[in-house]
Amino acid sequence: MSKAGLWFKMLASGAILMIGGPALVYYVSPTEEELYKRYNPELQKRSLENREQKQQDFDNFVNKLKEYSKSDKPIWAAAAEDEARIKANNAEEQRRIAAEIQKRRDEIKRHSISPD
């Protein structure tokens, strides 16, 4: 066999593998609709109920990424700063709520102790 024939066979085999492999995977992979049809009815119902919330969560995630990408800092650094800011705000909110609860308790104690 000549070198040209060997090269042709090698190139043809490579092309078959490079084109045929992904084509085979695409052919045998089920679509999302086919997977959904295989769910039992309870999972289908739950999936439909959660679809809107999952879409909203994804949209929020993408919007946050867009916001982080506007910064000069890397996205992970901007995300860490935002997370720290949110934690600080949550901690402040918890302190405010705890103080309000304590204030109500003290007020209830004052009213229950004082003789009328």
PDB file of N, CA and C in Angstrom:
ATOM      1  N   MET A   1       0.847  -1.175   0.000  1.00  0.00           N
ATOM      2  CA  MET A   1       0.000   0.000   0.000  1.00  0.00           C
ATOM      3  C   MET A   1       0.891   1.235   0.000  1.00  0.00           C
ATOM      4  N   SER A   2       0.498   2.202  -0.757  1.00  0.00           N
ATOM      5  CA  SER A   2       1.315   3.403  -0.883  1.00  0.00           C
ATOM      6  C   SER A   2       1.059   4.337   0.294  1.00  0.00           C
ATOM      7  N   LYS A   3       1.961   5.318   0.428  1.00  0.00           N
ATOM      8  CA  LYS A   3       1.820   6.285   1.506  1.00  0.00           C
ATOM      9  C   LYS A   3       0.568   7.137   1.311  1.00  0.00           C
ATOM     10  N   ALA A   4       0.222   7.441   0.081  1.00  0.00           N
ATOM     11  CA  ALA A   4      -0.973   8.249  -0.184  1.00  0.00           C
ATOM     12  C   ALA A   4      -2.225   7.507   0.278  1.00  0.00           C
ATOM     13  N   GLY A   5      -2.293   6.212   0.023  1.00  0.00           N
ATOM     14  CA  GLY A   5      -3.440   5.417   0.464  1.00  0.00           C
ATOM     15  C   GLY A   5      -3.517   5.363   1.985  1.00  0.00           C
ATOM     16  N   LEU A   6      -2.362   5.245   2.622  1.00  0.00           N
ATOM     17  CA  LEU A   6      -2.316   5.216   4.084  1.00  0.00           C
ATOM     18  C   LEU A   6      -2.792   6.553   4.662  1.00  0.00           C
ATOM     19  N   TRP A   7      -2.335   7.641   4.055  1.00  0.00           N
ATOM     20  CA  TRP A   7      -2.761   8.976   4.507  1.00  0.00           C
ATOM     21  C   TRP A   7      -4.264   9.158   4.293  1.00  0.00           C
ATOM     22  N   PHE A   8      -4.772   8.689   3.178  1.00  0.00           N
ATOM     23  CA  PHE A   8      -6.199   8.806   2.900  1.00  0.00           C
ATOM     24  C   PHE A   8      -7.017   8.044   3.942  1.00  0.00           C
ATOM     25  N   LYS A   9      -6.605   6.812   4.252  1.00  0.00           N
ATOM     26  CA  LYS A   9      -7.303   6.016   5.247  1.00  0.00           C
ATOM     27  C   LYS A   9      -7.252   6.680   6.612  1.00  0.00           C
ATOM     28  N   MET A  10      -6.106   7.254   6.955  1.00  0.00           N
ATOM     29  CA  MET A  10      -5.946   7.915   8.242  1.00  0.00           C
ATOM     30  C   MET A  10      -6.863   9.146   8.325  1.00  0.00           C
ATOM     31  N   LEU A  11      -6.872   9.948   7.274  1.00  0.00           N
ATOM     32  CA  LEU A  11      -7.712  11.143   7.262  1.00  0.00           C
ATOM     33  C   LEU A  11      -9.201  10.774   7.260  1.00  0.00           C
ATOM     34  N   ALA A  12      -9.560   9.758   6.494  1.00  0.00           N
ATOM     35  CA  ALA A  12     -10.958   9.318   6.451  1.00  0.00           C
ATOM     36  C   ALA A  12     -11.388   8.789   7.816  1.00  0.00           C
ATOM     37  N   SER A  13     -10.541   8.003   8.464  1.00  0.00           N
ATOM     38  CA  SER A  13     -10.864   7.483   9.796  1.00  0.00           C
ATOM     39  C   SER A  13     -11.006   8.617  10.801  1.00  0.00           C
ATOM     40  N   GLY A  14     -10.092   9.581  10.748  1.00  0.00           N
ATOM     41  CA  GLY A  14     -10.171  10.732  11.655  1.00  0.00           C
ATOM     42  C   GLY A  14     -11.443  11.531  11.427  1.00  0.00           C
ATOM     43  N   ALA A  15     -11.802  11.734  10.152  1.00  0.00           N
ATOM     44  CA  ALA A  15     -13.013  12.492   9.848  1.00  0.00           C
ATOM     45  C   ALA A  15     -14.251  11.749  10.343  1.00  0.00           C
ATOM     46  N   ILE A  16     -14.271  10.445  10.175  1.00  0.00           N
ATOM     47  CA  ILE A  16     -15.407   9.650  10.638  1.00  0.00           C
ATOM     48  C   ILE A  16     -15.539   9.763  12.158  1.00  0.00           C
ATOM     49  N   LEU A  17     -14.417   9.680  12.858  1.00  0.00           N
ATOM     50  CA  LEU A  17     -14.457   9.786  14.316  1.00  0.00           C
ATOM     51  C   LEU A  17     -14.843  11.193  14.771  1.00  0.00           C
ATOM     52  N   MET A  18     -14.284  12.203  14.123  1.00  0.00           N
ATOM     53  CA  MET A  18     -14.538  13.578  14.551  1.00  0.00           C
ATOM     54  C   MET A  18     -15.955  14.041  14.209  1.00  0.00           C
ATOM     55  N   ILE A  19     -16.516  13.553  13.138  1.00  0.00           N
ATOM     56  CA  ILE A  19     -17.865  13.947  12.736  1.00  0.00           C
ATOM     57  C   ILE A  19     -18.881  12.941  13.253  1.00  0.00           C
ATOM     58  N   GLY A  20     -18.567  11.680  13.143  1.00  0.00           N
ATOM     59  CA  GLY A  20     -19.515  10.641  13.518  1.00  0.00           C
ATOM     60  C   GLY A  20     -19.736  10.523  15.009  1.00  0.00           C
ATOM     61  N   GLY A  21     -18.693  10.755  15.804  1.00  0.00           N
ATOM     62  CA  GLY A  21     -18.831  10.641  17.267  1.00  0.00           C
ATOM     63  C   GLY A  21     -19.852  11.633  17.816  1.00  0.00           C
ATOM     64  N   PRO A  22     -19.665  12.921  17.579  1.00  0.00           N
ATOM     65  CA  PRO A  22     -20.664  13.879  18.062  1.00  0.00           C
ATOM     66  C   PRO A  22     -22.044  13.669  17.440  1.00  0.00           C
ATOM     67  N   ALA A  23     -22.083  13.257  16.170  1.00  0.00           N
ATOM     68  CA  ALA A  23     -23.373  13.010  15.527  1.00  0.00           C
ATOM     69  C   ALA A  23     -24.089  11.856  16.221  1.00  0.00           C
ATOM     70  N   LEU A  24     -23.355  10.813  16.596  1.00  0.00           N
ATOM     71  CA  LEU A  24     -23.947   9.687  17.301  1.00  0.00           C
ATOM     72  C   LEU A  24     -24.472  10.114  18.671  1.00  0.00           C
ATOM     73  N   VAL A  25     -23.684  10.905  19.386  1.00  0.00           N
ATOM     74  CA  VAL A  25     -24.122  11.394  20.701  1.00  0.00           C
ATOM     75  C   VAL A  25     -25.376  12.231  20.545  1.00  0.00           C
ATOM     76  N   TYR A  26     -25.419  13.092  19.560  1.00  0.00           N
ATOM     77  CA  TYR A  26     -26.596  13.929  19.306  1.00  0.00           C
ATOM     78  C   TYR A  26     -27.810  13.066  18.972  1.00  0.00           C
ATOM     79  N   TYR A  27     -27.595  12.019  18.208  1.00  0.00           N
ATOM     80  CA  TYR A  27     -28.680  11.133  17.786  1.00  0.00           C
ATOM     81  C   TYR A  27     -29.267  10.351  18.954  1.00  0.00           C
ATOM     82  N   VAL A  28     -28.428   9.849  19.854  1.00  0.00           N
ATOM     83  CA  VAL A  28     -28.917   8.993  20.934  1.00  0.00           C
ATOM     84  C   VAL A  28     -29.329   9.775  22.183  1.00  0.00           C
ATOM     85  N   SER A  29     -28.969  11.050  22.295  1.00  0.00           N
ATOM     86  CA  SER A  29     -29.347  11.839  23.473  1.00  0.00           C
ATOM     87  C   SER A  29     -30.809  12.245  23.383  1.00  0.00           C
ATOM     88  N   PRO A  30     -31.574  12.013  24.458  1.00  0.00           N
ATOM     89  CA  PRO A  30     -32.986  12.411  24.429  1.00  0.00           C
ATOM     90  C   PRO A  30     -33.127  13.924  24.566  1.00  0.00           C
ATOM     91  N   THR A  31     -34.186  14.464  24.007  1.00  0.00           N
ATOM     92  CA  THR A  31     -34.459  15.887  24.133  1.00  0.00           C
ATOM     93  C   THR A  31     -35.078  16.150  25.501  1.00  0.00           C
ATOM     94  N   GLU A  32     -35.187  17.418  25.859  1.00  0.00           N
ATOM     95  CA  GLU A  32     -35.797  17.756  27.147  1.00  0.00           C
ATOM     96  C   GLU A  32     -37.248  17.298  27.194  1.00  0.00           C
ATOM     97  N   GLU A  33     -37.938  17.403  26.073  1.00  0.00           N
ATOM     98  CA  GLU A  33     -39.339  16.985  26.023  1.00  0.00           C
ATOM     99  C   GLU A  33     -39.462  15.477  26.246  1.00  0.00           C
ATOM    100  N   GLU A  34     -38.566  14.695  25.647  1.00  0.00           N
ATOM    101  CA  GLU A  34     -38.597  13.243  25.831  1.00  0.00           C
ATOM    102  C   GLU A  34     -38.306  12.877  27.286  1.00  0.00           C
ATOM    103  N   LEU A  35     -37.356  13.583  27.905  1.00  0.00           N
ATOM    104  CA  LEU A  35     -37.068  13.326  29.316  1.00  0.00           C
ATOM    105  C   LEU A  35     -38.263  13.678  30.187  1.00  0.00           C
ATOM    106  N   TYR A  36     -38.915  14.793  29.874  1.00  0.00           N
ATOM    107  CA  TYR A  36     -40.074  15.227  30.649  1.00  0.00           C
ATOM    108  C   TYR A  36     -41.206  14.201  30.557  1.00  0.00           C
ATOM    109  N   LYS A  37     -41.391  13.624  29.368  1.00  0.00           N
ATOM    110  CA  LYS A  37     -42.444  12.619  29.194  1.00  0.00           C
ATOM    111  C   LYS A  37     -42.162  11.351  29.993  1.00  0.00           C
ATOM    112  N   ARG A  38     -40.885  11.090  30.287  1.00  0.00           N
ATOM    113  CA  ARG A  38     -40.526   9.890  31.054  1.00  0.00           C
ATOM    114  C   ARG A  38     -40.748  10.080  32.553  1.00  0.00           C
ATOM    115  N   TYR A  39     -40.917  11.336  33.003  1.00  0.00           N
ATOM    116  CA  TYR A  39     -41.188  11.591  34.422  1.00  0.00           C
ATOM    117  C   TYR A  39     -42.502  10.941  34.807  1.00  0.00           C
ATOM    118  N   ASN A  40     -42.626  10.588  36.084  1.00  0.00           N
ATOM    119  CA  ASN A  40     -43.936  10.146  36.546  1.00  0.00           C
ATOM    120  C   ASN A  40     -44.811  11.388  36.710  1.00  0.00           C
ATOM    121  N   PRO A  41     -46.120  11.243  36.743  1.00  0.00           N
ATOM    122  CA  PRO A  41     -47.022  12.410  36.779  1.00  0.00           C
ATOM    123  C   PRO A  41     -46.765  13.364  37.939  1.00  0.00           C
ATOM    124  N   GLU A  42     -46.374  12.823  39.087  1.00  0.00           N
ATOM    125  CA  GLU A  42     -46.110  13.693  40.233  1.00  0.00           C
ATOM    126  C   GLU A  42     -44.911  14.604  39.967  1.00  0.00           C
ATOM    127  N   LEU A  43     -43.849  14.048  39.381  1.00  0.00           N
ATOM    128  CA  LEU A  43     -42.674  14.861  39.051  1.00  0.00           C
ATOM    129  C   LEU A  43     -42.996  15.885  37.969  1.00  0.00           C
ATOM    130  N   GLN A  44     -43.823  15.510  37.009  1.00  0.00           N
ATOM    131  CA  GLN A  44     -44.225  16.467  35.971  1.00  0.00           C
ATOM    132  C   GLN A  44     -44.962  17.641  36.596  1.00  0.00           C
ATOM    133  N   LYS A  45     -45.869  17.342  37.505  1.00  0.00           N
ATOM    134  CA  LYS A  45     -46.633  18.403  38.160  1.00  0.00           C
ATOM    135  C   LYS A  45     -45.709  19.310  38.964  1.00  0.00           C
ATOM    136  N   ARG A  46     -44.797  18.720  39.735  1.00  0.00           N
ATOM    137  CA  ARG A  46     -43.856  19.500  40.542  1.00  0.00           C
ATOM    138  C   ARG A  46     -42.942  20.341  39.657  1.00  0.00           C
ATOM    139  N   SER A  47     -42.523  19.771  38.541  1.00  0.00           N
ATOM    140  CA  SER A  47     -41.665  20.503  37.612  1.00  0.00           C
ATOM    141  C   SER A  47     -42.389  21.718  37.038  1.00  0.00           C
ATOM    142  N   LEU A  48     -43.647  21.544  36.690  1.00  0.00           N
ATOM    143  CA  LEU A  48     -44.421  22.672  36.168  1.00  0.00           C
ATOM    144  C   LEU A  48     -44.624  23.745  37.233  1.00  0.00           C
ATOM    145  N   GLU A  49     -44.846  23.326  38.480  1.00  0.00           N
ATOM    146  CA  GLU A  49     -45.044  24.288  39.556  1.00  0.00           C
ATOM    147  C   GLU A  49     -43.782  25.095  39.832  1.00  0.00           C
ATOM    148  N   ASN A  50     -42.619  24.454  39.741  1.00  0.00           N
ATOM    149  CA  ASN A  50     -41.356  25.118  40.068  1.00  0.00           C
ATOM    150  C   ASN A  50     -40.718  25.818  38.883  1.00  0.00           C
ATOM    151  N   ARG A  51     -41.270  25.660  37.694  1.00  0.00           N
ATOM    152  CA  ARG A  51     -40.651  26.207  36.490  1.00  0.00           C
ATOM    153  C   ARG A  51     -40.495  27.726  36.560  1.00  0.00           C
ATOM    154  N   GLU A  52     -41.552  28.413  36.979  1.00  0.00           N
ATOM    155  CA  GLU A  52     -41.511  29.873  37.007  1.00  0.00           C
ATOM    156  C   GLU A  52     -40.494  30.374  38.038  1.00  0.00           C
ATOM    157  N   GLN A  53     -40.444  29.718  39.206  1.00  0.00           N
ATOM    158  CA  GLN A  53     -39.491  30.124  40.234  1.00  0.00           C
ATOM    159  C   GLN A  53     -38.059  29.883  39.769  1.00  0.00           C
ATOM    160  N   LYS A  54     -37.817  28.755  39.118  1.00  0.00           N
ATOM    161  CA  LYS A  54     -36.475  28.470  38.615  1.00  0.00           C
ATOM    162  C   LYS A  54     -36.064  29.465  37.549  1.00  0.00           C
ATOM    163  N   GLN A  55     -36.999  29.845  36.690  1.00  0.00           N
ATOM    164  CA  GLN A  55     -36.703  30.829  35.654  1.00  0.00           C
ATOM    165  C   GLN A  55     -36.386  32.186  36.284  1.00  0.00           C
ATOM    166  N   GLN A  56     -37.142  32.548  37.311  1.00  0.00           N
ATOM    167  CA  GLN A  56     -36.898  33.813  38.009  1.00  0.00           C
ATOM    168  C   GLN A  56     -35.534  33.793  38.690  1.00  0.00           C
ATOM    169  N   ASP A  57     -35.188  32.674  39.334  1.00  0.00           N
ATOM    170  CA  ASP A  57     -33.878  32.545  39.973  1.00  0.00           C
ATOM    171  C   ASP A  57     -32.762  32.673  38.943  1.00  0.00           C
ATOM    172  N   PHE A  58     -32.924  32.038  37.799  1.00  0.00           N
ATOM    173  CA  PHE A  58     -31.907  32.124  36.748  1.00  0.00           C
ATOM    174  C   PHE A  58     -31.777  33.558  36.240  1.00  0.00           C
ATOM    175  N   ASP A  59     -32.901  34.234  36.041  1.00  0.00           N
ATOM    176  CA  ASP A  59     -32.855  35.625  35.581  1.00  0.00           C
ATOM    177  C   ASP A  59     -32.146  36.517  36.600  1.00  0.00           C
ATOM    178  N   ASN A  60     -32.433  36.298  37.887  1.00  0.00           N
ATOM    179  CA  ASN A  60     -31.746  37.067  38.933  1.00  0.00           C
ATOM    180  C   ASN A  60     -30.248  36.797  38.910  1.00  0.00           C
ATOM    181  N   PHE A  61     -29.883  35.540  38.734  1.00  0.00           N
ATOM    182  CA  PHE A  61     -28.463  35.165  38.669  1.00  0.00           C
ATOM    183  C   PHE A  61     -27.766  35.862  37.506  1.00  0.00           C
ATOM    184  N   VAL A  62     -28.402  35.848  36.334  1.00  0.00           N
ATOM    185  CA  VAL A  62     -27.803  36.475  35.158  1.00  0.00           C
ATOM    186  C   VAL A  62     -27.698  37.987  35.360  1.00  0.00           C
ATOM    187  N   ASN A  63     -28.721  38.592  35.950  1.00  0.00           N
ATOM    188  CA  ASN A  63     -28.669  40.033  36.199  1.00  0.00           C
ATOM    189  C   ASN A  63     -27.560  40.391  37.179  1.00  0.00           C
ATOM    190  N   LYS A  64     -27.370  39.562  38.214  1.00  0.00           N
ATOM    191  CA  LYS A  64     -26.268  39.794  39.152  1.00  0.00           C
ATOM    192  C   LYS A  64     -24.924  39.681  38.442  1.00  0.00           C
ATOM    193  N   LEU A  65     -24.785  38.681  37.579  1.00  0.00           N
ATOM    194  CA  LEU A  65     -23.528  38.534  36.841  1.00  0.00           C
ATOM    195  C   LEU A  65     -23.268  39.755  35.962  1.00  0.00           C
ATOM    196  N   LYS A  66     -24.302  40.267  35.315  1.00  0.00           N
ATOM    197  CA  LYS A  66     -24.146  41.464  34.496  1.00  0.00           C
ATOM    198  C   LYS A  66     -23.717  42.646  35.352  1.00  0.00           C
ATOM    199  N   GLU A  67     -24.316  42.747  36.535  1.00  0.00           N
ATOM    200  CA  GLU A  67     -23.964  43.836  37.442  1.00  0.00           C
ATOM    201  C   GLU A  67     -22.511  43.705  37.897  1.00  0.00           C
ATOM    202  N   TYR A  68     -22.103  42.485  38.245  1.00  0.00           N
ATOM    203  CA  TYR A  68     -20.732  42.258  38.689  1.00  0.00           C
ATOM    204  C   TYR A  68     -19.737  42.516  37.573  1.00  0.00           C
ATOM    205  N   SER A  69     -20.115  42.212  36.330  1.00  0.00           N
ATOM    206  CA  SER A  69     -19.179  42.376  35.221  1.00  0.00           C
ATOM    207  C   SER A  69     -18.934  43.846  34.889  1.00  0.00           C
ATOM    208  N   LYS A  70     -19.817  44.736  35.339  1.00  0.00           N
ATOM    209  CA  LYS A  70     -19.612  46.167  35.092  1.00  0.00           C
ATOM    210  C   LYS A  70     -18.505  46.736  35.959  1.00  0.00           C
ATOM    211  N   SER A  71     -18.170  46.044  37.028  1.00  0.00           N
ATOM    212  CA  SER A  71     -17.120  46.485  37.933  1.00  0.00           C
ATOM    213  C   SER A  71     -15.747  46.244  37.315  1.00  0.00           C
ATOM    214  N   ASP A  72     -14.756  46.989  37.798  1.00  0.00           N
ATOM    215  CA  ASP A  72     -13.380  46.791  37.331  1.00  0.00           C
ATOM    216  C   ASP A  72     -12.751  45.559  37.965  1.00  0.00           C
ATOM    217  N   LYS A  73     -13.368  45.078  39.027  1.00  0.00           N
ATOM    218  CA  LYS A  73     -12.843  43.928  39.754  1.00  0.00           C
ATOM    219  C   LYS A  73     -13.278  42.632  39.080  1.00  0.00           C
ATOM    220  N   PRO A  74     -12.603  41.521  39.385  1.00  0.00           N
ATOM    221  CA  PRO A  74     -13.074  40.223  38.876  1.00  0.00           C
ATOM    222  C   PRO A  74     -14.466  39.920  39.422  1.00  0.00           C
ATOM    223  N   ILE A  75     -15.203  39.118  38.689  1.00  0.00           N
ATOM    224  CA  ILE A  75     -16.589  38.826  39.057  1.00  0.00           C
ATOM    225  C   ILE A  75     -16.653  38.189  40.442  1.00  0.00           C
ATOM    226  N   TRP A  76     -15.741  37.275  40.771  1.00  0.00           N
ATOM    227  CA  TRP A  76     -15.807  36.596  42.051  1.00  0.00           C
ATOM    228  C   TRP A  76     -15.530  37.571  43.196  1.00  0.00           C
ATOM    229  N   ALA A  77     -14.676  38.578  42.957  1.00  0.00           N
ATOM    230  CA  ALA A  77     -14.412  39.569  44.003  1.00  0.00           C
ATOM    231  C   ALA A  77     -15.632  40.463  44.206  1.00  0.00           C
ATOM    232  N   ALA A  78     -16.261  40.879  43.118  1.00  0.00           N
ATOM    233  CA  ALA A  78     -17.461  41.706  43.214  1.00  0.00           C
ATOM    234  C   ALA A  78     -18.587  40.917  43.884  1.00  0.00           C
ATOM    235  N   ALA A  79     -18.688  39.634  43.569  1.00  0.00           N
ATOM    236  CA  ALA A  79     -19.721  38.793  44.185  1.00  0.00           C
ATOM    237  C   ALA A  79     -19.458  38.644  45.678  1.00  0.00           C
ATOM    238  N   ALA A  80     -18.200  38.475  46.070  1.00  0.00           N
ATOM    239  CA  ALA A  80     -17.868  38.336  47.489  1.00  0.00           C
ATOM    240  C   ALA A  80     -18.202  39.622  48.242  1.00  0.00           C
ATOM    241  N   GLU A  81     -17.901  40.779  47.642  1.00  0.00           N
ATOM    242  CA  GLU A  81     -18.234  42.058  48.280  1.00  0.00           C
ATOM    243  C   GLU A  81     -19.741  42.212  48.428  1.00  0.00           C
ATOM    244  N   ASP A  82     -20.477  41.856  47.401  1.00  0.00           N
ATOM    245  CA  ASP A  82     -21.935  41.958  47.450  1.00  0.00           C
ATOM    246  C   ASP A  82     -22.498  41.016  48.512  1.00  0.00           C
ATOM    247  N   GLU A  83     -21.951  39.824  48.596  1.00  0.00           N
ATOM    248  CA  GLU A  83     -22.399  38.863  49.600  1.00  0.00           C
ATOM    249  C   GLU A  83     -22.118  39.380  51.005  1.00  0.00           C
ATOM    250  N   ALA A  84     -20.951  39.983  51.206  1.00  0.00           N
ATOM    251  CA  ALA A  84     -20.616  40.551  52.510  1.00  0.00           C
ATOM    252  C   ALA A  84     -21.557  41.706  52.848  1.00  0.00           C
ATOM    253  N   ARG A  85     -21.885  42.526  51.870  1.00  0.00           N
ATOM    254  CA  ARG A  85     -22.808  43.638  52.088  1.00  0.00           C
ATOM    255  C   ARG A  85     -24.191  43.116  52.462  1.00  0.00           C
ATOM    256  N   ILE A  86     -24.650  42.078  51.776  1.00  0.00           N
ATOM    257  CA  ILE A  86     -25.962  41.497  52.075  1.00  0.00           C
ATOM    258  C   ILE A  86     -25.974  40.892  53.475  1.00  0.00           C
ATOM    259  N   LYS A  87     -24.886  40.201  53.870  1.00  0.00           N
ATOM    260  CA  LYS A  87     -24.804  39.637  55.213  1.00  0.00           C
ATOM    261  C   LYS A  87     -24.840  40.726  56.267  1.00  0.00           C
ATOM    262  N   ALA A  88     -24.135  41.835  56.020  1.00  0.00           N
ATOM    263  CA  ALA A  88     -24.134  42.946  56.974  1.00  0.00           C
ATOM    264  C   ALA A  88     -25.532  43.540  57.096  1.00  0.00           C
ATOM    265  N   ASN A  89     -26.212  43.692  55.970  1.00  0.00           N
ATOM    266  CA  ASN A  89     -27.576  44.223  56.001  1.00  0.00           C
ATOM    267  C   ASN A  89     -28.513  43.278  56.751  1.00  0.00           C
ATOM    268  N   ASN A  90     -28.356  41.981  56.529  1.00  0.00           N
ATOM    269  CA  ASN A  90     -29.195  40.997  57.221  1.00  0.00           C
ATOM    270  C   ASN A  90     -28.927  41.017  58.719  1.00  0.00           C
ATOM    271  N   ALA A  91     -27.645  41.144  59.103  1.00  0.00           N
ATOM    272  CA  ALA A  91     -27.303  41.191  60.520  1.00  0.00           C
ATOM    273  C   ALA A  91     -27.901  42.439  61.160  1.00  0.00           C
ATOM    274  N   GLU A  92     -27.819  43.567  60.477  1.00  0.00           N
ATOM    275  CA  GLU A  92     -28.413  44.803  60.994  1.00  0.00           C
ATOM    276  C   GLU A  92     -29.924  44.667  61.133  1.00  0.00           C
ATOM    277  N   GLU A  93     -30.557  44.049  60.168  1.00  0.00           N
ATOM    278  CA  GLU A  93     -32.003  43.823  60.210  1.00  0.00           C
ATOM    279  C   GLU A  93     -32.362  42.914  61.388  1.00  0.00           C
ATOM    280  N   GLN A  94     -31.573  41.877  61.630  1.00  0.00           N
ATOM    281  CA  GLN A  94     -31.814  40.974  62.753  1.00  0.00           C
ATOM    282  C   GLN A  94     -31.669  41.708  64.081  1.00  0.00           C
ATOM    283  N   ARG A  95     -30.651  42.579  64.188  1.00  0.00           N
ATOM    284  CA  ARG A  95     -30.474  43.362  65.415  1.00  0.00           C
ATOM    285  C   ARG A  95     -31.661  44.298  65.639  1.00  0.00           C
ATOM    286  N   ARG A  96     -32.137  44.908  64.577  1.00  0.00           N
ATOM    287  CA  ARG A  96     -33.272  45.820  64.681  1.00  0.00           C
ATOM    288  C   ARG A  96     -34.522  45.065  65.132  1.00  0.00           C
ATOM    289  N   ILE A  97     -34.754  43.900  64.560  1.00  0.00           N
ATOM    290  CA  ILE A  97     -35.920  43.091  64.930  1.00  0.00           C
ATOM    291  C   ILE A  97     -35.806  42.635  66.387  1.00  0.00           C
ATOM    292  N   ALA A  98     -34.596  42.198  66.798  1.00  0.00           N
ATOM    293  CA  ALA A  98     -34.399  41.757  68.180  1.00  0.00           C
ATOM    294  C   ALA A  98     -34.657  42.904  69.147  1.00  0.00           C
ATOM    295  N   ALA A  99     -34.182  44.113  68.810  1.00  0.00           N
ATOM    296  CA  ALA A  99     -34.417  45.273  69.674  1.00  0.00           C
ATOM    297  C   ALA A  99     -35.907  45.593  69.750  1.00  0.00           C
ATOM    298  N   GLU A 100     -36.604  45.488  68.646  1.00  0.00           N
ATOM    299  CA  GLU A 100     -38.047  45.751  68.632  1.00  0.00           C
ATOM    300  C   GLU A 100     -38.797  44.724  69.474  1.00  0.00           C
ATOM    301  N   ILE A 101     -38.407  43.467  69.382  1.00  0.00           N
ATOM    302  CA  ILE A 101     -39.040  42.415  70.181  1.00  0.00           C
ATOM    303  C   ILE A 101     -38.790  42.666  71.664  1.00  0.00           C
ATOM    304  N   GLN A 102     -37.564  43.018  71.999  1.00  0.00           N
ATOM    305  CA  GLN A 102     -37.231  43.290  73.397  1.00  0.00           C
ATOM    306  C   GLN A 102     -38.023  44.486  73.914  1.00  0.00           C
ATOM    307  N   LYS A 103     -38.168  45.496  73.092  1.00  0.00           N
ATOM    308  CA  LYS A 103     -38.938  46.681  73.467  1.00  0.00           C
ATOM    309  C   LYS A 103     -40.392  46.299  73.738  1.00  0.00           C
ATOM    310  N   ARG A 104     -40.973  45.442  72.908  1.00  0.00           N
ATOM    311  CA  ARG A 104     -42.347  44.991  73.113  1.00  0.00           C
ATOM    312  C   ARG A 104     -42.470  44.175  74.394  1.00  0.00           C
ATOM    313  N   ARG A 105     -41.490  43.306  74.654  1.00  0.00           N
ATOM    314  CA  ARG A 105     -41.516  42.500  75.878  1.00  0.00           C
ATOM    315  C   ARG A 105     -41.478  43.391  77.115  1.00  0.00           C
ATOM    316  N   ASP A 106     -40.570  44.377  77.071  1.00  0.00           N
ATOM    317  CA  ASP A 106     -40.471  45.298  78.199  1.00  0.00           C
ATOM    318  C   ASP A 106     -41.780  46.055  78.402  1.00  0.00           C
ATOM    319  N   GLU A 107     -42.398  46.463  77.304  1.00  0.00           N
ATOM    320  CA  GLU A 107     -43.661  47.189  77.389  1.00  0.00           C
ATOM    321  C   GLU A 107     -44.758  46.298  77.963  1.00  0.00           C
ATOM    322  N   ILE A 108     -44.787  45.051  77.562  1.00  0.00           N
ATOM    323  CA  ILE A 108     -45.782  44.112  78.084  1.00  0.00           C
ATOM    324  C   ILE A 108     -45.548  43.876  79.575  1.00  0.00           C
ATOM    325  N   LYS A 109     -44.280  43.759  79.983  1.00  0.00           N
ATOM    326  CA  LYS A 109     -43.966  43.560  81.394  1.00  0.00           C
ATOM    327  C   LYS A 109     -44.398  44.765  82.218  1.00  0.00           C
ATOM    328  N   ARG A 110     -44.145  45.961  81.724  1.00  0.00           N
ATOM    329  CA  ARG A 110     -44.527  47.178  82.436  1.00  0.00           C
ATOM    330  C   ARG A 110     -46.033  47.229  82.640  1.00  0.00           C
ATOM    331  N   HIS A 111     -46.787  46.880  81.607  1.00  0.00           N
ATOM    332  CA  HIS A 111     -48.243  46.938  81.700  1.00  0.00           C
ATOM    333  C   HIS A 111     -48.791  45.832  82.591  1.00  0.00           C
ATOM    334  N   SER A 112     -48.148  44.689  82.620  1.00  0.00           N
ATOM    335  CA  SER A 112     -48.671  43.587  83.426  1.00  0.00           C
ATOM    336  C   SER A 112     -48.282  43.739  84.904  1.00  0.00           C
ATOM    337  N   ILE A 113     -47.181  44.428  85.181  1.00  0.00           N
ATOM    338  CA  ILE A 113     -46.717  44.588  86.552  1.00  0.00           C
ATOM    339  C   ILE A 113     -47.418  45.761  87.240  1.00  0.00           C
ATOM    340  N   SER A 114     -47.597  46.831  86.552  1.00  0.00           N
ATOM    341  CA  SER A 114     -48.162  48.034  87.165  1.00  0.00           C
ATOM    342  C   SER A 114     -49.607  47.793  87.587  1.00  0.00           C
ATOM    343  N   PRO A 115     -49.952  48.122  88.850  1.00  0.00           N
ATOM    344  CA  PRO A 115     -51.330  47.938  89.321  1.00  0.00           C
ATOM    345  C   PRO A 115     -52.228  49.042  88.756  1.00  0.00           C
ATOM    346  N   ASP A 116     -53.422  48.669  88.371  1.00  0.00           N
ATOM    347  CA  ASP A 116     -54.380  49.661  87.843  1.00  0.00           C
ATOM    348  C   ASP A 116     -55.479  49.915  88.812  1.00  0.00           C
TER     349      ASP A 116
END
